[in-house]
């Protein structure tokens, strides 16, 4: 088994749910890795894409097909040794990756500046 980063991290998260509770977005900070960890492990993810979001390096890294699964993970390199994981789920599966990406793009400008 590969020792790369896992999708199901159990870090504390901020979670937003739709009024019916069926759709959600979860943002969590992972302080034990860098975005390079995902670049180095891209072969472990059938759905992998390098991105730039809000001027930060990011990756879409999923062990399954987001369109079929109704779930999508995007990891954004926030600082050295720190990644923010956005995980979106949608029951009516419109585009969970767009929701995950929008959560990151909307939240980055509100983060405190790194010192």
N, C-alpha and C. Protein backbone atom coordinates (compact mmCIF):
# COMPACT_ATOMS: atom_id res chain seq x y z
N UNK A 1 0.84 -1.19 0.00
CA UNK A 1 0.00 0.00 0.00
C UNK A 1 0.88 1.25 0.00
N UNK A 2 0.45 2.26 -0.73
CA UNK A 2 1.18 3.51 -0.85
C UNK A 2 1.10 4.30 0.45
N UNK A 3 2.19 4.97 0.82
CA UNK A 3 2.22 5.78 2.05
C UNK A 3 1.88 7.23 1.79
N UNK A 4 1.28 7.55 0.64
CA UNK A 4 0.93 8.93 0.30
C UNK A 4 -0.19 9.46 1.17
N UNK A 5 -0.55 10.72 0.99
CA UNK A 5 -1.61 11.34 1.78
C UNK A 5 -2.96 10.68 1.51
N UNK A 6 -3.80 10.68 2.48
CA UNK A 6 -5.12 10.06 2.37
C UNK A 6 -6.21 11.11 2.22
N UNK A 7 -7.30 10.72 1.59
CA UNK A 7 -8.44 11.62 1.41
C UNK A 7 -9.19 11.81 2.73
N UNK A 8 -9.42 10.77 3.47
CA UNK A 8 -10.26 10.83 4.67
C UNK A 8 -9.55 11.32 5.91
N UNK A 9 -8.91 12.46 5.84
CA UNK A 9 -8.24 13.01 7.01
C UNK A 9 -9.27 13.33 8.09
N UNK A 10 -8.87 13.18 9.34
CA UNK A 10 -9.81 13.39 10.43
C UNK A 10 -9.55 14.69 11.19
N UNK A 11 -8.96 15.66 10.52
CA UNK A 11 -8.69 16.96 11.15
C UNK A 11 -10.01 17.67 11.46
N UNK A 12 -9.95 18.56 12.47
CA UNK A 12 -11.13 19.38 12.77
C UNK A 12 -11.47 20.20 11.54
N UNK A 13 -12.75 20.46 11.36
CA UNK A 13 -13.17 21.16 10.14
C UNK A 13 -14.31 22.12 10.41
N UNK A 14 -14.41 23.11 9.52
CA UNK A 14 -15.60 23.97 9.45
C UNK A 14 -16.50 23.32 8.40
N UNK A 15 -17.76 23.14 8.71
CA UNK A 15 -18.67 22.47 7.80
C UNK A 15 -19.88 23.35 7.54
N UNK A 16 -20.24 23.46 6.27
CA UNK A 16 -21.46 24.16 5.86
C UNK A 16 -22.36 23.15 5.17
N UNK A 17 -23.64 23.17 5.52
CA UNK A 17 -24.60 22.24 4.92
C UNK A 17 -25.73 23.01 4.27
N UNK A 18 -26.30 22.42 3.22
CA UNK A 18 -27.49 23.00 2.59
C UNK A 18 -28.64 22.91 3.57
N UNK A 19 -29.69 23.71 3.38
CA UNK A 19 -30.82 23.70 4.31
C UNK A 19 -31.42 22.30 4.53
N UNK A 20 -31.41 21.46 3.51
CA UNK A 20 -31.95 20.11 3.68
C UNK A 20 -30.91 19.14 4.24
N UNK A 21 -29.66 19.60 4.43
CA UNK A 21 -28.61 18.77 5.02
C UNK A 21 -28.00 17.76 4.09
N UNK A 22 -28.38 17.76 2.83
CA UNK A 22 -27.89 16.74 1.90
C UNK A 22 -26.57 17.10 1.24
N UNK A 23 -26.31 18.37 1.06
CA UNK A 23 -25.06 18.83 0.44
C UNK A 23 -24.20 19.52 1.50
N UNK A 24 -22.88 19.39 1.38
CA UNK A 24 -22.01 20.02 2.37
C UNK A 24 -20.65 20.35 1.77
N UNK A 25 -19.98 21.27 2.46
CA UNK A 25 -18.59 21.62 2.18
C UNK A 25 -17.87 21.63 3.51
N UNK A 26 -16.70 21.00 3.54
CA UNK A 26 -15.89 20.90 4.76
C UNK A 26 -14.52 21.47 4.46
N UNK A 27 -14.05 22.40 5.27
CA UNK A 27 -12.70 22.95 5.15
C UNK A 27 -11.92 22.56 6.41
N UNK A 28 -10.74 21.98 6.21
CA UNK A 28 -9.91 21.64 7.35
C UNK A 28 -8.45 21.97 7.04
N UNK A 29 -7.72 22.36 8.07
CA UNK A 29 -6.30 22.70 7.93
C UNK A 29 -5.48 21.49 8.34
N UNK A 30 -4.57 21.10 7.45
CA UNK A 30 -3.67 19.98 7.72
C UNK A 30 -2.27 20.54 7.88
N UNK A 31 -1.76 20.52 9.10
CA UNK A 31 -0.49 21.17 9.40
C UNK A 31 0.70 20.21 9.33
N UNK A 32 0.45 18.99 8.89
CA UNK A 32 1.51 17.99 8.89
C UNK A 32 2.02 17.64 7.49
N UNK A 33 1.72 18.47 6.47
CA UNK A 33 2.16 18.15 5.11
C UNK A 33 2.19 19.40 4.24
N UNK A 34 2.84 19.24 3.10
CA UNK A 34 2.90 20.33 2.13
C UNK A 34 2.16 19.89 0.87
N UNK A 35 1.90 20.82 -0.02
CA UNK A 35 1.23 20.50 -1.28
C UNK A 35 2.10 19.56 -2.12
N UNK A 36 3.42 19.62 -1.93
CA UNK A 36 4.34 18.74 -2.65
C UNK A 36 4.04 17.27 -2.38
N UNK A 37 3.54 16.97 -1.20
CA UNK A 37 3.17 15.59 -0.86
C UNK A 37 2.17 15.04 -1.88
N UNK A 38 1.24 15.88 -2.31
CA UNK A 38 0.24 15.46 -3.28
C UNK A 38 0.82 15.36 -4.68
N UNK A 39 1.68 16.30 -5.05
CA UNK A 39 2.35 16.23 -6.36
C UNK A 39 3.14 14.92 -6.46
N UNK A 40 3.83 14.58 -5.38
CA UNK A 40 4.67 13.38 -5.37
C UNK A 40 3.86 12.08 -5.35
N UNK A 41 2.58 12.16 -5.01
CA UNK A 41 1.73 10.96 -4.90
C UNK A 41 0.62 10.94 -5.94
N UNK A 42 0.75 11.72 -7.01
CA UNK A 42 -0.36 11.85 -7.96
C UNK A 42 -0.78 10.54 -8.60
N UNK A 43 0.12 9.58 -8.72
CA UNK A 43 -0.25 8.30 -9.34
C UNK A 43 -1.26 7.52 -8.49
N UNK A 44 -1.42 7.87 -7.24
CA UNK A 44 -2.35 7.18 -6.35
C UNK A 44 -3.80 7.68 -6.55
N UNK A 45 -3.97 8.77 -7.27
CA UNK A 45 -5.30 9.35 -7.46
C UNK A 45 -5.74 9.24 -8.92
N UNK A 46 -6.77 8.45 -9.22
CA UNK A 46 -7.28 8.37 -10.59
C UNK A 46 -7.79 9.72 -11.11
N UNK A 47 -8.29 10.56 -10.21
CA UNK A 47 -8.73 11.91 -10.57
C UNK A 47 -7.74 12.89 -9.94
N UNK A 48 -6.79 13.37 -10.75
CA UNK A 48 -5.75 14.27 -10.25
C UNK A 48 -5.57 15.41 -11.24
N UNK A 49 -5.55 16.64 -10.71
CA UNK A 49 -5.34 17.81 -11.56
C UNK A 49 -4.62 18.89 -10.75
N UNK A 50 -3.55 19.45 -11.29
CA UNK A 50 -2.86 20.56 -10.64
C UNK A 50 -3.62 21.84 -10.95
N UNK A 51 -3.78 22.69 -9.94
CA UNK A 51 -4.54 23.93 -10.06
C UNK A 51 -3.78 25.09 -9.41
N UNK A 52 -4.22 26.30 -9.68
CA UNK A 52 -3.81 27.48 -8.94
C UNK A 52 -5.11 28.16 -8.51
N UNK A 53 -5.29 28.32 -7.20
CA UNK A 53 -6.51 28.94 -6.66
C UNK A 53 -6.12 30.10 -5.77
N UNK A 54 -6.65 31.26 -6.05
CA UNK A 54 -6.35 32.47 -5.26
C UNK A 54 -4.84 32.64 -5.09
N UNK A 55 -4.09 32.45 -6.18
CA UNK A 55 -2.63 32.59 -6.21
C UNK A 55 -1.88 31.58 -5.35
N UNK A 56 -2.51 30.45 -5.04
CA UNK A 56 -1.88 29.38 -4.26
C UNK A 56 -1.86 28.10 -5.09
N UNK A 57 -0.81 27.30 -4.95
CA UNK A 57 -0.81 26.00 -5.63
C UNK A 57 -1.86 25.09 -4.99
N UNK A 58 -2.52 24.31 -5.82
CA UNK A 58 -3.57 23.41 -5.31
C UNK A 58 -3.63 22.18 -6.20
N UNK A 59 -4.27 21.13 -5.70
CA UNK A 59 -4.51 19.93 -6.49
C UNK A 59 -5.91 19.42 -6.22
N UNK A 60 -6.49 18.92 -7.26
CA UNK A 60 -7.73 18.14 -7.16
C UNK A 60 -7.26 16.69 -7.12
N UNK A 61 -7.50 16.00 -6.01
CA UNK A 61 -6.98 14.65 -5.83
C UNK A 61 -8.07 13.76 -5.23
N UNK A 62 -8.59 12.85 -6.06
CA UNK A 62 -9.69 11.99 -5.63
C UNK A 62 -9.41 10.54 -5.98
N UNK A 63 -9.77 9.65 -5.07
CA UNK A 63 -9.57 8.23 -5.28
C UNK A 63 -10.65 7.63 -6.17
N UNK A 64 -11.72 8.37 -6.42
CA UNK A 64 -12.80 7.91 -7.28
C UNK A 64 -13.15 8.97 -8.30
N UNK A 65 -14.31 8.82 -8.93
CA UNK A 65 -14.80 9.75 -9.93
C UNK A 65 -15.80 10.71 -9.26
N UNK A 66 -15.42 11.98 -9.09
CA UNK A 66 -16.32 12.92 -8.41
C UNK A 66 -17.71 13.00 -9.03
N UNK A 67 -17.81 12.92 -10.35
CA UNK A 67 -19.11 13.01 -11.02
C UNK A 67 -20.01 11.83 -10.64
N UNK A 68 -19.44 10.67 -10.43
CA UNK A 68 -20.22 9.49 -10.04
C UNK A 68 -20.43 9.40 -8.53
N UNK A 69 -19.39 9.80 -7.78
CA UNK A 69 -19.43 9.67 -6.32
C UNK A 69 -20.18 10.79 -5.63
N UNK A 70 -20.28 11.95 -6.29
CA UNK A 70 -20.92 13.11 -5.67
C UNK A 70 -20.07 13.73 -4.58
N UNK A 71 -18.73 13.54 -4.66
CA UNK A 71 -17.82 14.08 -3.65
C UNK A 71 -16.50 14.46 -4.32
N UNK A 72 -15.88 15.52 -3.80
CA UNK A 72 -14.63 15.99 -4.39
C UNK A 72 -13.72 16.62 -3.34
N UNK A 73 -12.43 16.26 -3.40
CA UNK A 73 -11.41 16.84 -2.54
C UNK A 73 -10.48 17.72 -3.36
N UNK A 74 -10.22 18.90 -2.83
CA UNK A 74 -9.20 19.78 -3.38
C UNK A 74 -8.31 20.21 -2.21
N UNK A 75 -7.00 20.17 -2.42
CA UNK A 75 -6.03 20.52 -1.40
C UNK A 75 -5.26 21.75 -1.87
N UNK A 76 -5.17 22.78 -1.03
CA UNK A 76 -4.53 24.04 -1.37
C UNK A 76 -3.33 24.25 -0.46
N UNK A 77 -2.17 24.55 -1.06
CA UNK A 77 -0.97 24.85 -0.27
C UNK A 77 -1.08 26.25 0.31
N UNK A 78 -1.37 26.33 1.60
CA UNK A 78 -1.57 27.62 2.25
C UNK A 78 -0.26 28.24 2.72
N UNK A 79 0.68 27.40 3.17
CA UNK A 79 1.97 27.85 3.67
C UNK A 79 2.90 26.64 3.67
N UNK A 80 4.17 26.86 3.96
CA UNK A 80 5.09 25.72 4.06
C UNK A 80 4.59 24.78 5.14
N UNK A 81 4.42 23.52 4.79
CA UNK A 81 3.98 22.54 5.77
C UNK A 81 2.52 22.65 6.16
N UNK A 82 1.71 23.34 5.37
CA UNK A 82 0.30 23.51 5.71
C UNK A 82 -0.56 23.46 4.44
N UNK A 83 -1.57 22.60 4.50
CA UNK A 83 -2.50 22.42 3.39
C UNK A 83 -3.92 22.61 3.92
N UNK A 84 -4.77 23.24 3.12
CA UNK A 84 -6.19 23.34 3.47
C UNK A 84 -6.93 22.38 2.55
N UNK A 85 -7.71 21.51 3.15
CA UNK A 85 -8.48 20.49 2.43
C UNK A 85 -9.92 20.95 2.33
N UNK A 86 -10.42 21.04 1.12
CA UNK A 86 -11.83 21.34 0.87
C UNK A 86 -12.48 20.08 0.34
N UNK A 87 -13.53 19.63 1.02
CA UNK A 87 -14.23 18.41 0.64
C UNK A 87 -15.71 18.73 0.50
N UNK A 88 -16.24 18.55 -0.70
CA UNK A 88 -17.64 18.86 -0.97
C UNK A 88 -18.40 17.58 -1.34
N UNK A 89 -19.64 17.50 -0.87
CA UNK A 89 -20.52 16.40 -1.25
C UNK A 89 -21.82 16.99 -1.77
N UNK A 90 -22.37 16.35 -2.78
CA UNK A 90 -23.64 16.78 -3.35
C UNK A 90 -24.48 15.55 -3.68
N UNK A 91 -25.72 15.53 -3.24
CA UNK A 91 -26.57 14.38 -3.52
C UNK A 91 -27.13 14.42 -4.94
N UNK A 92 -27.40 15.59 -5.45
CA UNK A 92 -27.92 15.69 -6.80
C UNK A 92 -26.79 15.89 -7.82
N UNK A 93 -25.59 15.64 -7.39
CA UNK A 93 -24.37 15.63 -8.18
C UNK A 93 -24.38 16.57 -9.39
N UNK A 94 -24.33 17.84 -9.12
CA UNK A 94 -24.18 18.79 -10.22
C UNK A 94 -22.70 18.92 -10.56
N UNK A 95 -21.88 19.32 -9.60
CA UNK A 95 -20.43 19.38 -9.78
C UNK A 95 -19.78 19.61 -8.42
N UNK A 96 -19.52 18.53 -7.68
CA UNK A 96 -18.94 18.70 -6.36
C UNK A 96 -17.57 19.37 -6.37
N UNK A 97 -16.81 19.23 -7.47
CA UNK A 97 -15.49 19.87 -7.53
C UNK A 97 -15.62 21.38 -7.66
N UNK A 98 -16.63 21.85 -8.37
CA UNK A 98 -16.86 23.30 -8.48
C UNK A 98 -17.20 23.87 -7.10
N UNK A 99 -17.98 23.14 -6.32
CA UNK A 99 -18.36 23.58 -4.97
C UNK A 99 -17.13 23.60 -4.06
N UNK A 100 -16.32 22.57 -4.13
CA UNK A 100 -15.10 22.50 -3.33
C UNK A 100 -14.15 23.64 -3.68
N UNK A 101 -13.99 23.91 -4.97
CA UNK A 101 -13.11 24.98 -5.43
C UNK A 101 -13.65 26.35 -5.01
N UNK A 102 -14.93 26.55 -5.14
CA UNK A 102 -15.54 27.84 -4.77
C UNK A 102 -15.33 28.12 -3.27
N UNK A 103 -15.43 27.09 -2.45
CA UNK A 103 -15.23 27.27 -1.00
C UNK A 103 -13.82 27.78 -0.71
N UNK A 104 -12.83 27.23 -1.39
CA UNK A 104 -11.45 27.69 -1.20
C UNK A 104 -11.27 29.11 -1.72
N UNK A 105 -11.71 29.36 -2.94
CA UNK A 105 -11.53 30.68 -3.53
C UNK A 105 -12.23 31.77 -2.72
N UNK A 106 -13.36 31.45 -2.13
CA UNK A 106 -14.09 32.42 -1.32
C UNK A 106 -13.46 32.64 0.05
N UNK A 107 -12.82 31.61 0.59
CA UNK A 107 -12.30 31.73 1.95
C UNK A 107 -10.88 32.29 2.02
N UNK A 108 -10.04 32.03 1.02
CA UNK A 108 -8.64 32.47 1.08
C UNK A 108 -8.49 33.95 1.40
N UNK A 109 -9.24 34.87 0.78
CA UNK A 109 -9.05 36.28 1.10
C UNK A 109 -9.36 36.64 2.56
N UNK A 110 -10.04 35.79 3.28
CA UNK A 110 -10.38 36.08 4.67
C UNK A 110 -9.36 35.54 5.66
N UNK A 111 -8.38 34.79 5.18
CA UNK A 111 -7.39 34.19 6.07
C UNK A 111 -6.39 35.25 6.52
N UNK A 112 -5.86 35.09 7.74
CA UNK A 112 -4.81 36.03 8.18
C UNK A 112 -3.55 35.83 7.34
N UNK A 113 -2.83 36.91 7.13
CA UNK A 113 -1.61 36.84 6.32
C UNK A 113 -0.54 36.04 7.07
N UNK A 114 0.21 35.25 6.35
CA UNK A 114 1.31 34.48 6.95
C UNK A 114 2.43 35.44 7.34
N UNK A 115 3.08 35.15 8.43
CA UNK A 115 4.18 36.01 8.90
C UNK A 115 5.46 35.25 8.91
